[in-house]
Amino acid sequence: MGQDFSHIARRCERAVVTAYRELRDSGRGDMSAFTSCTTLYRIHHPESSVTEARRLVAEWIDHHVIRGETSPTDGCACD
């Protein structure tokens, strides 16, 4: 999982993916890391519902961490 995610343009997306990777690398379980990253996303986007935050975080983790893609995601509309 030790990839560089600096290619991700959105700060919130990069923060979530980096946090997930670092939490998993430090021994946190998948659900614990996922929950922490959902909370992190909602700090960046307090207007987002928990459901929306979970969907985006899951999409980003799958795209960048699980599949190792470097292409952009649909994600949120922020920079």
N, C-alpha and C. Protein backbone atom coordinates (compact mmCIF):
# COMPACT_ATOMS: atom_id res chain seq x y z
N MET A 1 0.80 -1.20 0.00
CA MET A 1 0.00 0.00 0.00
C MET A 1 0.84 1.26 0.00
N GLY A 2 2.13 1.19 -0.03
CA GLY A 2 2.97 2.36 0.10
C GLY A 2 3.07 3.20 -1.15
N GLN A 3 1.95 3.62 -1.72
CA GLN A 3 1.95 4.42 -2.93
C GLN A 3 1.94 5.90 -2.61
N ASP A 4 2.37 6.69 -3.58
CA ASP A 4 2.30 8.15 -3.48
C ASP A 4 1.00 8.60 -4.15
N PHE A 5 0.16 9.32 -3.41
CA PHE A 5 -1.12 9.76 -3.94
C PHE A 5 -1.11 11.25 -4.25
N SER A 6 0.06 11.82 -4.49
CA SER A 6 0.16 13.25 -4.76
C SER A 6 -0.46 13.64 -6.10
N HIS A 7 -0.73 12.65 -6.96
CA HIS A 7 -1.36 12.94 -8.25
C HIS A 7 -2.84 13.28 -8.11
N ILE A 8 -3.43 13.06 -6.96
CA ILE A 8 -4.85 13.32 -6.76
C ILE A 8 -5.05 14.83 -6.60
N ALA A 9 -5.91 15.39 -7.42
CA ALA A 9 -6.08 16.85 -7.46
C ALA A 9 -6.86 17.41 -6.27
N ARG A 10 -7.94 16.74 -5.87
CA ARG A 10 -8.76 17.26 -4.77
C ARG A 10 -8.08 17.03 -3.43
N ARG A 11 -7.97 18.09 -2.64
CA ARG A 11 -7.31 17.96 -1.34
C ARG A 11 -8.04 16.98 -0.43
N CYS A 12 -9.38 17.03 -0.41
CA CYS A 12 -10.12 16.13 0.47
C CYS A 12 -9.93 14.67 0.05
N GLU A 13 -9.92 14.42 -1.24
CA GLU A 13 -9.72 13.05 -1.75
C GLU A 13 -8.32 12.56 -1.41
N ARG A 14 -7.33 13.41 -1.63
CA ARG A 14 -5.94 13.04 -1.30
C ARG A 14 -5.79 12.79 0.20
N ALA A 15 -6.42 13.64 1.02
CA ALA A 15 -6.33 13.47 2.48
C ALA A 15 -6.96 12.15 2.91
N VAL A 16 -8.11 11.82 2.34
CA VAL A 16 -8.80 10.58 2.69
C VAL A 16 -7.97 9.36 2.28
N VAL A 17 -7.48 9.35 1.07
CA VAL A 17 -6.72 8.19 0.56
C VAL A 17 -5.41 8.03 1.33
N THR A 18 -4.73 9.14 1.58
CA THR A 18 -3.48 9.08 2.34
C THR A 18 -3.73 8.61 3.77
N ALA A 19 -4.77 9.13 4.40
CA ALA A 19 -5.09 8.72 5.78
C ALA A 19 -5.43 7.24 5.83
N TYR A 20 -6.22 6.78 4.88
CA TYR A 20 -6.58 5.36 4.86
C TYR A 20 -5.32 4.49 4.75
N ARG A 21 -4.47 4.83 3.81
CA ARG A 21 -3.23 4.06 3.62
C ARG A 21 -2.38 4.06 4.90
N GLU A 22 -2.22 5.22 5.51
CA GLU A 22 -1.38 5.31 6.70
C GLU A 22 -2.01 4.58 7.90
N LEU A 23 -3.31 4.67 8.03
CA LEU A 23 -3.98 3.94 9.12
C LEU A 23 -3.82 2.44 8.94
N ARG A 24 -4.00 1.95 7.72
CA ARG A 24 -3.84 0.52 7.45
C ARG A 24 -2.39 0.09 7.66
N ASP A 25 -1.45 0.92 7.20
CA ASP A 25 -0.03 0.60 7.38
C ASP A 25 0.37 0.54 8.85
N SER A 26 -0.33 1.30 9.69
CA SER A 26 0.00 1.32 11.12
C SER A 26 -0.75 0.24 11.91
N GLY A 27 -1.51 -0.61 11.18
CA GLY A 27 -2.14 -1.74 11.85
C GLY A 27 -3.62 -1.61 12.14
N ARG A 28 -4.23 -0.48 11.79
CA ARG A 28 -5.68 -0.33 12.00
C ARG A 28 -6.43 -1.25 11.04
N GLY A 29 -7.55 -1.75 11.51
CA GLY A 29 -8.39 -2.61 10.67
C GLY A 29 -9.08 -1.81 9.58
N ASP A 30 -9.58 -2.53 8.59
CA ASP A 30 -10.22 -1.90 7.45
C ASP A 30 -11.40 -1.02 7.86
N MET A 31 -12.32 -1.54 8.66
CA MET A 31 -13.51 -0.76 9.05
C MET A 31 -13.15 0.43 9.93
N SER A 32 -12.18 0.26 10.79
CA SER A 32 -11.73 1.37 11.63
C SER A 32 -11.14 2.48 10.78
N ALA A 33 -10.31 2.12 9.82
CA ALA A 33 -9.70 3.11 8.93
C ALA A 33 -10.77 3.77 8.07
N PHE A 34 -11.71 2.98 7.56
CA PHE A 34 -12.80 3.50 6.74
C PHE A 34 -13.64 4.51 7.53
N THR A 35 -14.00 4.16 8.75
CA THR A 35 -14.79 5.06 9.60
C THR A 35 -14.03 6.35 9.88
N SER A 36 -12.76 6.25 10.18
CA SER A 36 -11.95 7.45 10.41
C SER A 36 -11.90 8.33 9.18
N CYS A 37 -11.77 7.72 8.02
CA CYS A 37 -11.70 8.49 6.77
C CYS A 37 -13.04 9.12 6.42
N THR A 38 -14.12 8.46 6.75
CA THR A 38 -15.44 9.06 6.56
C THR A 38 -15.58 10.30 7.43
N THR A 39 -15.13 10.21 8.65
CA THR A 39 -15.15 11.37 9.56
C THR A 39 -14.27 12.48 9.01
N LEU A 40 -13.09 12.13 8.52
CA LEU A 40 -12.19 13.12 7.93
C LEU A 40 -12.86 13.82 6.75
N TYR A 41 -13.51 13.07 5.89
CA TYR A 41 -14.20 13.68 4.75
C TYR A 41 -15.26 14.67 5.23
N ARG A 42 -16.01 14.30 6.26
CA ARG A 42 -17.07 15.17 6.75
C ARG A 42 -16.52 16.41 7.45
N ILE A 43 -15.29 16.37 7.91
CA ILE A 43 -14.64 17.59 8.44
C ILE A 43 -14.40 18.54 7.28
N HIS A 44 -13.96 18.02 6.14
CA HIS A 44 -13.76 18.84 4.94
C HIS A 44 -15.09 19.30 4.36
N HIS A 45 -16.10 18.46 4.48
CA HIS A 45 -17.42 18.72 3.88
C HIS A 45 -18.53 18.47 4.90
N PRO A 46 -18.72 19.38 5.85
CA PRO A 46 -19.76 19.17 6.87
C PRO A 46 -21.17 19.15 6.30
N GLU A 47 -21.35 19.67 5.10
CA GLU A 47 -22.66 19.66 4.46
C GLU A 47 -23.05 18.28 3.93
N SER A 48 -22.09 17.38 3.85
CA SER A 48 -22.32 16.05 3.30
C SER A 48 -23.01 15.16 4.33
N SER A 49 -23.93 14.33 3.85
CA SER A 49 -24.56 13.34 4.72
C SER A 49 -23.56 12.20 4.99
N VAL A 50 -23.84 11.45 6.02
CA VAL A 50 -22.98 10.30 6.32
C VAL A 50 -23.02 9.31 5.16
N THR A 51 -24.18 9.11 4.58
CA THR A 51 -24.31 8.18 3.45
C THR A 51 -23.47 8.63 2.27
N GLU A 52 -23.54 9.91 1.93
CA GLU A 52 -22.74 10.44 0.81
C GLU A 52 -21.25 10.32 1.12
N ALA A 53 -20.86 10.64 2.34
CA ALA A 53 -19.45 10.54 2.73
C ALA A 53 -18.97 9.10 2.61
N ARG A 54 -19.75 8.16 3.08
CA ARG A 54 -19.35 6.75 2.99
C ARG A 54 -19.21 6.31 1.54
N ARG A 55 -20.13 6.75 0.68
CA ARG A 55 -20.08 6.36 -0.72
C ARG A 55 -18.80 6.88 -1.39
N LEU A 56 -18.50 8.15 -1.16
CA LEU A 56 -17.30 8.74 -1.77
C LEU A 56 -16.02 8.11 -1.23
N VAL A 57 -15.94 7.93 0.08
CA VAL A 57 -14.75 7.33 0.68
C VAL A 57 -14.55 5.92 0.13
N ALA A 58 -15.61 5.15 0.06
CA ALA A 58 -15.51 3.79 -0.48
C ALA A 58 -15.05 3.81 -1.94
N GLU A 59 -15.60 4.75 -2.72
CA GLU A 59 -15.21 4.88 -4.13
C GLU A 59 -13.73 5.21 -4.25
N TRP A 60 -13.27 6.17 -3.45
CA TRP A 60 -11.87 6.59 -3.52
C TRP A 60 -10.92 5.50 -3.08
N ILE A 61 -11.25 4.80 -2.00
CA ILE A 61 -10.39 3.72 -1.52
C ILE A 61 -10.32 2.61 -2.57
N ASP A 62 -11.47 2.24 -3.11
CA ASP A 62 -11.48 1.21 -4.14
C ASP A 62 -10.65 1.63 -5.34
N HIS A 63 -10.85 2.85 -5.80
CA HIS A 63 -10.19 3.35 -7.01
C HIS A 63 -8.68 3.47 -6.83
N HIS A 64 -8.27 4.14 -5.76
CA HIS A 64 -6.84 4.47 -5.59
C HIS A 64 -6.04 3.41 -4.84
N VAL A 65 -6.64 2.78 -3.84
CA VAL A 65 -5.89 1.84 -3.00
C VAL A 65 -6.05 0.40 -3.50
N ILE A 66 -7.28 -0.02 -3.66
CA ILE A 66 -7.53 -1.42 -4.04
C ILE A 66 -7.10 -1.67 -5.49
N ARG A 67 -7.59 -0.83 -6.42
CA ARG A 67 -7.27 -1.04 -7.84
C ARG A 67 -5.99 -0.34 -8.28
N GLY A 68 -5.49 0.60 -7.48
CA GLY A 68 -4.24 1.29 -7.81
C GLY A 68 -4.33 2.20 -9.02
N GLU A 69 -5.52 2.71 -9.31
CA GLU A 69 -5.72 3.60 -10.45
C GLU A 69 -5.14 4.99 -10.17
N THR A 70 -4.68 5.66 -11.21
CA THR A 70 -4.18 7.02 -11.07
C THR A 70 -5.07 8.02 -11.80
N SER A 71 -6.08 7.53 -12.48
CA SER A 71 -7.01 8.42 -13.19
C SER A 71 -7.92 9.12 -12.19
N PRO A 72 -8.49 10.26 -12.58
CA PRO A 72 -9.39 10.99 -11.68
C PRO A 72 -10.68 10.22 -11.43
N THR A 73 -11.32 10.52 -10.31
CA THR A 73 -12.64 9.96 -10.00
C THR A 73 -13.67 11.05 -10.17
N ASP A 74 -14.94 10.65 -10.21
CA ASP A 74 -16.02 11.63 -10.26
C ASP A 74 -16.01 12.46 -8.98
N GLY A 75 -15.99 11.76 -7.84
CA GLY A 75 -15.85 12.39 -6.53
C GLY A 75 -16.74 13.59 -6.27
N CYS A 76 -16.24 14.50 -5.48
CA CYS A 76 -16.96 15.71 -5.11
C CYS A 76 -16.54 16.85 -6.04
N ALA A 77 -17.22 17.97 -5.90
CA ALA A 77 -16.99 19.09 -6.83
C ALA A 77 -15.97 20.10 -6.32
N CYS A 78 -15.27 19.82 -5.25
CA CYS A 78 -14.32 20.81 -4.71
C CYS A 78 -12.95 20.66 -5.37
N ASP A 79 -12.05 21.58 -5.01
CA ASP A 79 -10.68 21.54 -5.54
C ASP A 79 -9.76 20.83 -4.61
